[in-house]
Protein backbone atom coordinates (compact mmCIF):
# COMPACT_ATOMS: atom_id res chain seq x y z
CA UNK A 1 5.19 -119.96 -59.59
CA UNK A 2 3.37 -117.34 -62.30
CA UNK A 3 1.08 -116.37 -59.38
CA UNK A 4 3.65 -115.75 -57.03
CA UNK A 5 5.84 -113.45 -59.46
CA UNK A 6 2.62 -111.92 -60.06
CA UNK A 7 2.01 -110.63 -56.54
CA UNK A 8 5.33 -108.86 -55.88
CA UNK A 9 5.16 -106.90 -58.74
CA UNK A 10 2.21 -105.36 -57.92
CA UNK A 11 3.02 -104.74 -55.08
CA UNK A 12 6.27 -102.73 -55.89
CA UNK A 13 3.84 -100.95 -58.79
CA UNK A 14 1.21 -100.62 -55.96
CA UNK A 15 3.70 -99.27 -53.30
CA UNK A 16 5.40 -96.51 -56.00
CA UNK A 17 1.62 -94.94 -57.20
CA UNK A 18 1.05 -94.33 -53.41
CA UNK A 19 4.80 -92.90 -52.70
CA UNK A 20 3.91 -91.05 -55.84
CA UNK A 21 0.21 -89.93 -55.07
CA UNK A 22 1.98 -89.25 -51.46
CA UNK A 23 4.55 -86.71 -52.68
CA UNK A 24 2.10 -85.28 -55.42
CA UNK A 25 -0.19 -84.58 -52.53
CA UNK A 26 2.66 -83.20 -49.88
CA UNK A 27 3.18 -81.15 -52.95
CA UNK A 28 -0.04 -79.72 -53.87
CA UNK A 29 -0.35 -79.76 -49.84
CA UNK A 30 2.64 -77.13 -49.53
CA UNK A 31 1.53 -75.13 -52.96
CA UNK A 32 -2.07 -74.41 -51.05
CA UNK A 33 -0.56 -73.33 -48.02
CA UNK A 34 2.13 -71.28 -49.04
CA UNK A 35 0.60 -68.34 -49.77
CA UNK A 36 -1.60 -68.79 -46.73
CA UNK A 37 1.41 -68.81 -44.71
CA UNK A 38 2.92 -65.96 -46.19
CA UNK A 39 0.05 -63.66 -46.18
CA UNK A 40 -0.47 -64.85 -42.28
CA UNK A 41 3.21 -63.79 -42.15
CA UNK A 42 2.62 -60.55 -43.88
CA UNK A 43 -0.22 -60.13 -41.24
CA UNK A 44 1.61 -60.90 -38.13
CA UNK A 45 4.42 -58.41 -39.52
CA UNK A 46 1.31 -55.79 -39.61
CA UNK A 47 -0.06 -56.60 -36.34
CA UNK A 48 3.25 -56.48 -34.70
CA UNK A 49 4.01 -52.66 -36.35
CA UNK A 50 0.36 -51.75 -35.27
CA UNK A 51 1.03 -53.00 -31.63
CA UNK A 52 4.50 -50.76 -31.78
CA UNK A 53 2.69 -47.60 -33.07
CA UNK A 54 0.37 -48.12 -30.52
CA UNK A 55 2.67 -48.63 -28.15
CA UNK A 56 4.11 -45.86 -28.79
CA UNK A 57 1.12 -43.30 -29.29
CA UNK A 58 0.03 -44.91 -26.05
CA UNK A 59 3.76 -43.30 -24.44
CA UNK A 60 3.48 -40.27 -26.20
CA UNK A 61 0.19 -39.26 -25.17
CA UNK A 62 1.40 -40.84 -21.04
CA UNK A 63 4.30 -38.00 -21.43
CA UNK A 64 1.96 -35.71 -23.03
CA UNK A 65 -0.57 -36.49 -19.88
CA UNK A 66 2.35 -35.92 -17.17
CA UNK A 67 3.46 -32.26 -18.24
CA UNK A 68 -0.28 -31.39 -18.34
CA UNK A 69 -0.35 -32.58 -15.01
CA UNK A 70 3.44 -31.21 -13.97
CA UNK A 71 1.78 -28.07 -15.40
CA UNK A 72 -2.00 -28.39 -13.95
CA UNK A 73 -0.32 -28.89 -10.52
CA UNK A 74 2.21 -25.79 -11.03
CA UNK A 75 -0.27 -23.51 -11.84
CA UNK A 76 -2.67 -25.05 -9.31
CA UNK A 77 0.44 -23.96 -6.93
CA UNK A 78 0.57 -20.13 -8.63
CA UNK A 79 -3.36 -19.49 -8.14
CA UNK A 80 -2.58 -20.83 -4.95
CA UNK A 81 0.03 -18.25 -4.11
CA UNK A 82 -1.49 -15.44 -5.82
CA UNK A 83 -4.95 -16.32 -3.73
CA UNK A 84 -2.69 -16.04 -0.73
CA UNK A 85 -0.89 -12.65 -1.24
CA UNK A 86 -4.41 -11.39 -2.84
CA UNK A 87 -6.12 -11.91 0.31
CA UNK A 88 -2.93 -10.41 2.32
CA UNK A 89 -3.11 -7.31 -0.04
CA UNK A 90 -6.74 -7.14 0.84
CA UNK A 91 -6.34 -7.09 4.55
CA UNK A 92 -3.75 -4.58 4.00
CA UNK A 93 -5.51 -2.22 2.02
CA UNK A 94 -8.45 -3.14 4.76
CA UNK A 95 -6.58 -2.06 7.07
CA UNK A 96 -5.17 0.76 5.72
CA UNK A 97 -9.20 2.07 5.01
CA UNK A 98 -9.44 1.13 8.56
CA UNK A 99 -6.35 3.55 9.47
CA UNK A 100 -7.61 6.22 6.84
CA UNK A 101 -10.90 6.53 8.68
CA UNK A 102 -9.57 6.73 12.22
CA UNK A 103 -7.47 9.02 11.19
CA UNK A 104 -10.21 11.15 9.44
CA UNK A 105 -12.49 10.83 12.24
CA UNK A 106 -9.24 11.97 14.92
CA UNK A 107 -8.47 15.26 12.51
CA UNK A 108 -12.42 15.73 12.59
CA UNK A 109 -12.33 15.42 16.43
CA UNK A 110 -8.68 17.68 16.91
CA UNK A 111 -9.91 20.20 14.57
CA UNK A 112 -13.27 20.56 16.59
CA UNK A 113 -11.38 20.24 19.59
CA UNK A 114 -9.00 23.37 18.56
CA UNK A 115 -11.72 25.29 17.16
CA UNK A 116 -13.50 24.87 20.33
CA UNK A 117 -10.08 26.10 22.02
CA UNK A 118 -9.33 28.59 19.99
CA UNK A 119 -13.23 30.03 20.39
CA UNK A 120 -12.97 29.65 24.64
CA UNK A 121 -9.47 31.62 24.23
CA UNK A 122 -11.29 34.33 22.69
CA UNK A 123 -13.79 34.38 24.91
CA UNK A 124 -11.92 34.56 27.70
CA UNK A 125 -9.62 37.56 26.47
CA UNK A 126 -12.50 38.95 25.47
CA UNK A 127 -13.94 38.99 29.03
CA UNK A 128 -10.97 39.83 29.92
CA UNK A 129 -10.94 43.30 28.38
CA UNK A 130 -14.30 43.70 29.29
CA UNK A 131 -13.83 43.37 32.77
CA UNK A 132 -10.67 45.60 33.06
CA UNK A 133 -12.16 47.71 31.04
CA UNK A 134 -10.74 49.67 27.94
CA UNK A 135 -7.19 48.36 27.21
CA UNK A 136 -4.91 49.96 24.80
CA UNK A 137 -2.73 48.28 22.68
CA UNK A 138 0.79 49.29 23.73
CA UNK A 139 3.23 47.78 21.23
CA UNK A 140 2.63 44.72 18.25
CA UNK A 141 5.53 42.41 17.17
CA UNK A 142 5.74 39.86 14.61
CA UNK A 143 7.70 36.55 15.27
CA UNK A 144 7.99 34.63 12.14
CA UNK A 145 8.73 31.05 11.65
CA UNK A 146 10.04 28.88 8.96
CA UNK A 147 7.68 26.57 6.70
CA UNK A 148 6.16 23.80 8.22
CA UNK A 149 8.40 24.35 11.71
CA UNK A 150 7.48 25.34 15.29
CA UNK A 151 11.37 26.49 15.95
CA UNK A 152 12.18 30.01 16.54
CA UNK A 153 14.59 32.42 14.06
CA UNK A 154 17.51 33.28 14.50
CA UNK A 155 16.26 36.78 15.51
CA UNK A 156 13.32 36.05 17.55
CA UNK A 157 15.40 37.06 20.82
CA UNK A 158 15.58 41.08 20.49
CA UNK A 159 11.39 41.77 19.89
CA UNK A 160 10.59 39.30 23.00
CA UNK A 161 13.31 40.60 25.63
CA UNK A 162 11.16 44.06 24.51
CA UNK A 163 8.15 42.15 25.59
CA UNK A 164 9.28 40.77 28.48
CA UNK A 165 10.71 43.79 29.68
CA UNK A 166 6.97 45.49 28.94
CA UNK A 167 5.15 43.11 30.63
CA UNK A 168 7.26 42.99 33.66
CA UNK A 169 7.58 46.65 34.13
CA UNK A 170 3.56 47.56 33.89
CA UNK A 171 1.22 45.58 36.68
CA UNK A 172 -1.57 46.36 34.06
CA UNK A 173 0.17 44.57 30.87
CA UNK A 174 -0.99 41.56 29.78
CA UNK A 175 0.40 39.90 26.01
CA UNK A 176 -1.77 37.76 23.19
CA UNK A 177 -0.21 35.22 20.97
CA UNK A 178 -1.77 34.89 18.08
CA UNK A 179 -0.11 31.70 16.28
CA UNK A 180 -0.47 31.53 12.62
CA UNK A 181 0.04 29.78 9.48
CA UNK A 182 -0.12 29.69 5.53
CA UNK A 183 -2.48 28.29 3.17
CA UNK A 184 -0.50 25.13 2.53
CA UNK A 185 -1.83 21.91 4.73
CA UNK A 186 -4.54 20.67 6.14
CA UNK A 187 -6.59 23.53 8.52
CA UNK A 188 -6.52 21.15 11.09
CA UNK A 189 -2.91 20.33 11.43
CA UNK A 190 -2.29 24.02 10.81
CA UNK A 191 -4.11 24.82 14.19
CA UNK A 192 -2.14 22.45 16.00
CA UNK A 193 0.82 24.10 13.93
CA UNK A 194 -0.24 27.60 15.23
CA UNK A 195 -0.64 26.42 18.56
CA UNK A 196 3.00 24.90 18.88
CA UNK A 197 4.63 28.38 17.91
CA UNK A 198 2.53 29.97 20.67
CA UNK A 199 3.77 27.53 23.08
CA UNK A 200 7.41 28.34 21.97
CA UNK A 201 7.16 31.77 22.56
CA UNK A 202 5.16 31.50 25.47
CA UNK A 203 7.70 29.35 27.21
CA UNK A 204 10.67 31.65 25.51
CA UNK A 205 8.70 34.35 27.85
CA UNK A 206 7.55 32.53 30.70
CA UNK A 207 10.76 30.18 31.60
CA UNK A 208 13.45 32.71 29.38
CA UNK A 209 12.68 35.99 30.51
CA UNK A 210 10.27 35.51 33.84
CA UNK A 211 7.13 37.24 32.48
CA UNK A 212 4.67 35.70 35.08
CA UNK A 213 1.81 32.84 33.17
CA UNK A 214 -1.14 34.99 34.09
CA UNK A 215 0.00 37.48 32.11
CA UNK A 216 0.20 35.34 28.70
CA UNK A 217 -2.93 34.60 26.44
CA UNK A 218 -3.05 32.55 22.96
CA UNK A 219 -4.96 31.44 20.85
CA UNK A 220 -4.31 29.75 17.14
CA UNK A 221 -6.32 31.23 14.10
CA UNK A 222 -4.41 28.21 11.65
CA UNK A 223 -4.80 29.57 8.17
CA UNK A 224 -7.91 31.40 8.83
CA UNK A 225 -7.68 35.28 9.40
CA UNK A 226 -4.43 35.82 7.35
CA UNK A 227 -1.98 38.87 7.90
CA UNK A 228 -1.34 39.15 4.81
CA UNK A 229 -2.49 37.52 0.81
CA UNK A 230 -1.65 33.63 0.61
CA UNK A 231 -0.83 34.17 -3.13
CA UNK A 232 2.71 35.47 -3.44
CA UNK A 233 5.40 34.18 -1.41
CA UNK A 234 6.41 37.80 0.95
CA UNK A 235 2.67 36.88 1.99
CA UNK A 236 3.01 33.48 2.79
CA UNK A 237 6.22 34.01 4.61
CA UNK A 238 3.91 36.88 7.17
CA UNK A 239 1.31 34.24 7.65
CA UNK A 240 3.86 31.90 9.28
CA UNK A 241 3.92 33.87 12.25
CA UNK A 242 3.00 34.98 15.97
CA UNK A 243 1.69 38.03 16.45
CA UNK A 244 2.85 39.34 19.86
CA UNK A 245 0.80 42.20 21.19
CA UNK A 246 0.76 43.96 24.82
CA UNK A 247 -2.30 45.78 26.04
CA UNK A 248 -2.55 48.22 28.89
CA UNK A 249 -5.55 49.99 30.66
CA UNK A 250 -6.22 53.14 29.43
CA UNK A 251 -6.43 54.36 33.15
CA UNK A 252 -2.84 53.25 33.41
CA UNK A 253 -1.39 54.85 30.42
CA UNK A 254 -3.38 58.36 31.20
CA UNK A 255 -1.34 58.46 34.83
CA UNK A 256 1.86 57.85 33.02
CA UNK A 257 1.27 60.70 30.67
């Protein structure tokens, strides 16, 4: 009976020892793992913060890159438009330069033609005087014009009417028109302006007064051979004119004396 009583007691003691040992081990394990758990938690929190910061930086970088891309696209469009505008402007400048060069060549050609026409008219007049021998200057009138104009002034009709009556009353008389300008402006343009002034006077004599066309000769000097000095307004006004000179042969003049 004593053997049997001893065994349950021993079992109870062993059980108690095992329970106490297990509790101690569990508590020890908890004490050992708690710092690791805390450290791991801290590391996880730190990693989460790093991930959050990384995501934030990535977002900011993406937004910055998008802004840079937008500015780059805008700058590219601006440069493209500026390039097109510059190409158009260069084309216009080139066109204007070509037009200017053509105008210069045309002006030179016009001046040469005008000079040739003037020389031809003078040669024809010289030949006429030589062929008809010894013509005298009968009268001389100055028909003035406004600046840069070929319009006759209001007082033009009196001297031109006198010229017309003289030409129609003398079969041997003829008239020479000399177109003049002041010194302002291009020489070729001034020759053309002198021609226009001649044409206006010639038209009045022939169309309005019935002077025979074969009695009228004309040439334009432009600003060459000025009548007066161009240094004063008065002199320039005198140069803006057509000189109308009537010639008659000396034999006809002598017969009338």
